[in-house]
Amino acid sequence: MGTQVIIIVGTFILLLTGLLLGYVLSQLVLGYLTFNLLTFFGTISLILIFGTLYYVLFWQLKREQTQVLPAKIPTQTNEPIPANPLKNKLITKLSGDVEAAERLIDQAKQNYPGMPENWYCERVLDDLDRDTR
């Protein structure tokens, strides 16, 4: 509800500012409004308000879209996505490369045998985090 109010109010103010800016610029071009310091700063302030509202409004719309859409994990193979959330996080970190995730988990199993499956996923995630720093 809050973001919808921001979008509606922002759109209304953006529309009003755009109309004012268009009117002032048209009056300046037609010569009905003299160009002085007041009209200069008024026009600059309208441009700044219009640009800021435009940026904030579309930033808010983009932010709302990213919150609404579920994150899709791209897969490079036709393998099913595992139900393990840690494994999903690992696959996401590897840009959807399921085979690479499996190889890293298998390598961890060889290095540290006898641990639970979640431990291997955590270990590989920690190793990836440490390697990217």
C-alpha atoms as a PDB file:
ATOM      1  CA  MET A   1       0.000   0.000   0.000  1.00  0.00           C
ATOM      2  CA  GLY A   2       2.797   2.444   0.891  1.00  0.00           C
ATOM      3  CA  THR A   3       4.638   2.051  -2.385  1.00  0.00           C
ATOM      4  CA  GLN A   4       1.429   2.548  -4.353  1.00  0.00           C
ATOM      5  CA  VAL A   5       0.844   5.859  -2.579  1.00  0.00           C
ATOM      6  CA  ILE A   6       4.404   6.934  -3.371  1.00  0.00           C
ATOM      7  CA  ILE A   7       3.935   6.034  -7.020  1.00  0.00           C
ATOM      8  CA  ILE A   8       0.573   7.811  -7.303  1.00  0.00           C
ATOM      9  CA  VAL A   9       1.740  10.986  -5.519  1.00  0.00           C
ATOM     10  CA  GLY A  10       5.035  10.970  -7.414  1.00  0.00           C
ATOM     11  CA  THR A  11       3.252  10.590 -10.738  1.00  0.00           C
ATOM     12  CA  PHE A  12       0.863  13.436  -9.920  1.00  0.00           C
ATOM     13  CA  ILE A  13       3.685  15.780  -8.871  1.00  0.00           C
ATOM     14  CA  LEU A  14       5.721  14.732 -11.909  1.00  0.00           C
ATOM     15  CA  LEU A  15       2.797  15.525 -14.192  1.00  0.00           C
ATOM     16  CA  LEU A  16       2.175  18.885 -12.510  1.00  0.00           C
ATOM     17  CA  THR A  17       5.862  19.825 -12.619  1.00  0.00           C
ATOM     18  CA  GLY A  18       6.085  18.811 -16.268  1.00  0.00           C
ATOM     19  CA  LEU A  19       3.101  20.977 -17.131  1.00  0.00           C
ATOM     20  CA  LEU A  20       4.547  23.959 -15.257  1.00  0.00           C
ATOM     21  CA  LEU A  21       7.932  23.478 -16.873  1.00  0.00           C
ATOM     22  CA  GLY A  22       6.375  23.261 -20.326  1.00  0.00           C
ATOM     23  CA  TYR A  23       4.299  26.372 -19.705  1.00  0.00           C
ATOM     24  CA  VAL A  24       7.242  28.423 -18.412  1.00  0.00           C
ATOM     25  CA  LEU A  25       9.485  27.347 -21.280  1.00  0.00           C
ATOM     26  CA  SER A  26       6.799  28.067 -23.864  1.00  0.00           C
ATOM     27  CA  GLN A  27       6.219  31.530 -22.399  1.00  0.00           C
ATOM     28  CA  LEU A  28       9.967  32.209 -22.461  1.00  0.00           C
ATOM     29  CA  VAL A  29      10.265  31.088 -26.088  1.00  0.00           C
ATOM     30  CA  LEU A  30       7.206  33.075 -27.201  1.00  0.00           C
ATOM     31  CA  GLY A  31       8.514  36.183 -25.463  1.00  0.00           C
ATOM     32  CA  TYR A  32       5.578  36.672 -23.088  1.00  0.00           C
ATOM     33  CA  LEU A  33       7.854  36.082 -20.108  1.00  0.00           C
ATOM     34  CA  THR A  34      11.024  38.136 -19.742  1.00  0.00           C
ATOM     35  CA  PHE A  35      14.219  36.276 -19.074  1.00  0.00           C
ATOM     36  CA  ASN A  36      15.685  37.424 -15.774  1.00  0.00           C
ATOM     37  CA  LEU A  37      17.265  35.847 -12.713  1.00  0.00           C
ATOM     38  CA  LEU A  38      13.892  34.836 -11.249  1.00  0.00           C
ATOM     39  CA  THR A  39      12.708  33.017 -14.377  1.00  0.00           C
ATOM     40  CA  PHE A  40      16.151  31.428 -14.783  1.00  0.00           C
ATOM     41  CA  PHE A  41      16.208  29.974 -11.261  1.00  0.00           C
ATOM     42  CA  GLY A  42      12.529  29.051 -11.486  1.00  0.00           C
ATOM     43  CA  THR A  43      13.141  27.105 -14.690  1.00  0.00           C
ATOM     44  CA  ILE A  44      16.256  25.415 -13.258  1.00  0.00           C
ATOM     45  CA  SER A  45      14.354  24.435 -10.097  1.00  0.00           C
ATOM     46  CA  LEU A  46      11.502  22.985 -12.167  1.00  0.00           C
ATOM     47  CA  ILE A  47      13.986  20.983 -14.226  1.00  0.00           C
ATOM     48  CA  LEU A  48      15.687  19.681 -11.067  1.00  0.00           C
ATOM     49  CA  ILE A  49      12.361  18.775  -9.436  1.00  0.00           C
ATOM     50  CA  PHE A  50      11.171  17.064 -12.618  1.00  0.00           C
ATOM     51  CA  GLY A  51      14.411  15.103 -13.025  1.00  0.00           C
ATOM     52  CA  THR A  52      14.562  14.065  -9.376  1.00  0.00           C
ATOM     53  CA  LEU A  53      10.955  12.904  -9.303  1.00  0.00           C
ATOM     54  CA  TYR A  54      11.408  11.059 -12.581  1.00  0.00           C
ATOM     55  CA  TYR A  55      14.465   9.245 -11.208  1.00  0.00           C
ATOM     56  CA  VAL A  56      12.881   8.429  -7.825  1.00  0.00           C
ATOM     57  CA  LEU A  57       9.616   7.262  -9.369  1.00  0.00           C
ATOM     58  CA  PHE A  58      11.252   4.856 -11.784  1.00  0.00           C
ATOM     59  CA  TRP A  59      13.706   3.690  -9.117  1.00  0.00           C
ATOM     60  CA  GLN A  60      10.709   2.888  -6.901  1.00  0.00           C
ATOM     61  CA  LEU A  61       8.949   1.064  -9.752  1.00  0.00           C
ATOM     62  CA  LYS A  62      12.059  -0.989 -10.487  1.00  0.00           C
ATOM     63  CA  ARG A  63      12.505  -1.791  -6.801  1.00  0.00           C
ATOM     64  CA  GLU A  64       8.875  -2.880  -6.556  1.00  0.00           C
ATOM     65  CA  GLN A  65       9.216  -5.131  -9.604  1.00  0.00           C
ATOM     66  CA  THR A  66      12.293  -6.858  -8.200  1.00  0.00           C
ATOM     67  CA  GLN A  67      10.479  -7.524  -4.917  1.00  0.00           C
ATOM     68  CA  VAL A  68       7.395  -8.948  -6.627  1.00  0.00           C
ATOM     69  CA  LEU A  69       9.104 -11.213  -9.159  1.00  0.00           C
ATOM     70  CA  PRO A  70      10.543 -14.414  -7.697  1.00  0.00           C
ATOM     71  CA  ALA A  71      14.199 -15.005  -8.338  1.00  0.00           C
ATOM     72  CA  LYS A  72      14.695 -17.577 -11.053  1.00  0.00           C
ATOM     73  CA  ILE A  73      17.748 -19.765 -10.981  1.00  0.00           C
ATOM     74  CA  PRO A  74      19.051 -20.172 -14.511  1.00  0.00           C
ATOM     75  CA  THR A  75      20.176 -23.690 -15.194  1.00  0.00           C
ATOM     76  CA  GLN A  76      22.721 -24.576 -17.790  1.00  0.00           C
ATOM     77  CA  THR A  77      21.589 -28.192 -17.872  1.00  0.00           C
ATOM     78  CA  ASN A  78      18.228 -29.909 -17.731  1.00  0.00           C
ATOM     79  CA  GLU A  79      18.926 -31.309 -14.264  1.00  0.00           C
ATOM     80  CA  PRO A  80      16.216 -30.744 -11.651  1.00  0.00           C
ATOM     81  CA  ILE A  81      16.891 -28.121  -9.013  1.00  0.00           C
ATOM     82  CA  PRO A  82      17.517 -29.757  -5.625  1.00  0.00           C
ATOM     83  CA  ALA A  83      15.228 -29.186  -2.635  1.00  0.00           C
ATOM     84  CA  ASN A  84      18.167 -28.367  -0.322  1.00  0.00           C
ATOM     85  CA  PRO A  85      18.152 -24.568   0.263  1.00  0.00           C
ATOM     86  CA  LEU A  86      21.922 -24.459   0.820  1.00  0.00           C
ATOM     87  CA  LYS A  87      22.469 -26.280  -2.434  1.00  0.00           C
ATOM     88  CA  ASN A  88      20.127 -23.820  -4.163  1.00  0.00           C
ATOM     89  CA  LYS A  89      22.141 -20.933  -2.709  1.00  0.00           C
ATOM     90  CA  LEU A  90      25.339 -22.537  -3.986  1.00  0.00           C
ATOM     91  CA  ILE A  91      23.858 -23.019  -7.462  1.00  0.00           C
ATOM     92  CA  THR A  92      22.690 -19.407  -7.467  1.00  0.00           C
ATOM     93  CA  LYS A  93      26.175 -18.242  -6.498  1.00  0.00           C
ATOM     94  CA  LEU A  94      27.564 -20.231  -9.417  1.00  0.00           C
ATOM     95  CA  SER A  95      25.109 -18.564 -11.845  1.00  0.00           C
ATOM     96  CA  GLY A  96      22.994 -21.680 -12.190  1.00  0.00           C
ATOM     97  CA  ASP A  97      25.831 -24.088 -12.956  1.00  0.00           C
ATOM     98  CA  VAL A  98      24.498 -27.275 -11.325  1.00  0.00           C
ATOM     99  CA  GLU A  99      27.388 -29.416 -12.561  1.00  0.00           C
ATOM    100  CA  ALA A 100      29.994 -27.103 -11.006  1.00  0.00           C
ATOM    101  CA  ALA A 101      28.093 -27.164  -7.708  1.00  0.00           C
ATOM    102  CA  GLU A 102      28.032 -30.959  -7.744  1.00  0.00           C
ATOM    103  CA  ARG A 103      31.769 -31.098  -8.546  1.00  0.00           C
ATOM    104  CA  LEU A 104      32.600 -28.745  -5.659  1.00  0.00           C
ATOM    105  CA  ILE A 105      30.441 -30.760  -3.240  1.00  0.00           C
ATOM    106  CA  ASP A 106      32.028 -34.031  -4.419  1.00  0.00           C
ATOM    107  CA  GLN A 107      35.484 -32.526  -3.954  1.00  0.00           C
ATOM    108  CA  ALA A 108      34.555 -31.448  -0.404  1.00  0.00           C
ATOM    109  CA  LYS A 109      33.248 -34.974   0.276  1.00  0.00           C
ATOM    110  CA  GLN A 110      36.596 -36.401  -0.786  1.00  0.00           C
ATOM    111  CA  ASN A 111      38.523 -33.956   1.391  1.00  0.00           C
ATOM    112  CA  TYR A 112      36.245 -34.305   4.440  1.00  0.00           C
ATOM    113  CA  PRO A 113      34.499 -37.706   4.390  1.00  0.00           C
ATOM    114  CA  GLY A 114      31.649 -38.665   6.719  1.00  0.00           C
ATOM    115  CA  MET A 115      29.988 -35.268   7.184  1.00  0.00           C
ATOM    116  CA  PRO A 116      26.292 -34.457   6.593  1.00  0.00           C
ATOM    117  CA  GLU A 117      25.201 -33.120   3.187  1.00  0.00           C
ATOM    118  CA  ASN A 118      24.399 -29.634   4.537  1.00  0.00           C
ATOM    119  CA  TRP A 119      27.900 -29.356   5.980  1.00  0.00           C
ATOM    120  CA  TYR A 120      29.431 -29.838   2.536  1.00  0.00           C
ATOM    121  CA  CYS A 121      27.212 -27.143   1.032  1.00  0.00           C
ATOM    122  CA  GLU A 122      28.124 -24.733   3.843  1.00  0.00           C
ATOM    123  CA  ARG A 123      31.800 -25.551   3.415  1.00  0.00           C
ATOM    124  CA  VAL A 124      31.720 -24.909  -0.342  1.00  0.00           C
ATOM    125  CA  LEU A 125      29.774 -21.647   0.171  1.00  0.00           C
ATOM    126  CA  ASP A 126      32.295 -20.499   2.785  1.00  0.00           C
ATOM    127  CA  ASP A 127      35.172 -21.407   0.459  1.00  0.00           C
ATOM    128  CA  LEU A 128      33.585 -19.444  -2.397  1.00  0.00           C
ATOM    129  CA  ASP A 129      33.019 -16.429  -0.144  1.00  0.00           C
ATOM    130  CA  ARG A 130      36.596 -16.552   1.072  1.00  0.00           C
ATOM    131  CA  ASP A 131      37.947 -16.915  -2.471  1.00  0.00           C
ATOM    132  CA  THR A 132      35.974 -13.914  -3.783  1.00  0.00           C
ATOM    133  CA  ARG A 133      37.352 -11.570  -1.088  1.00  0.00           C
END
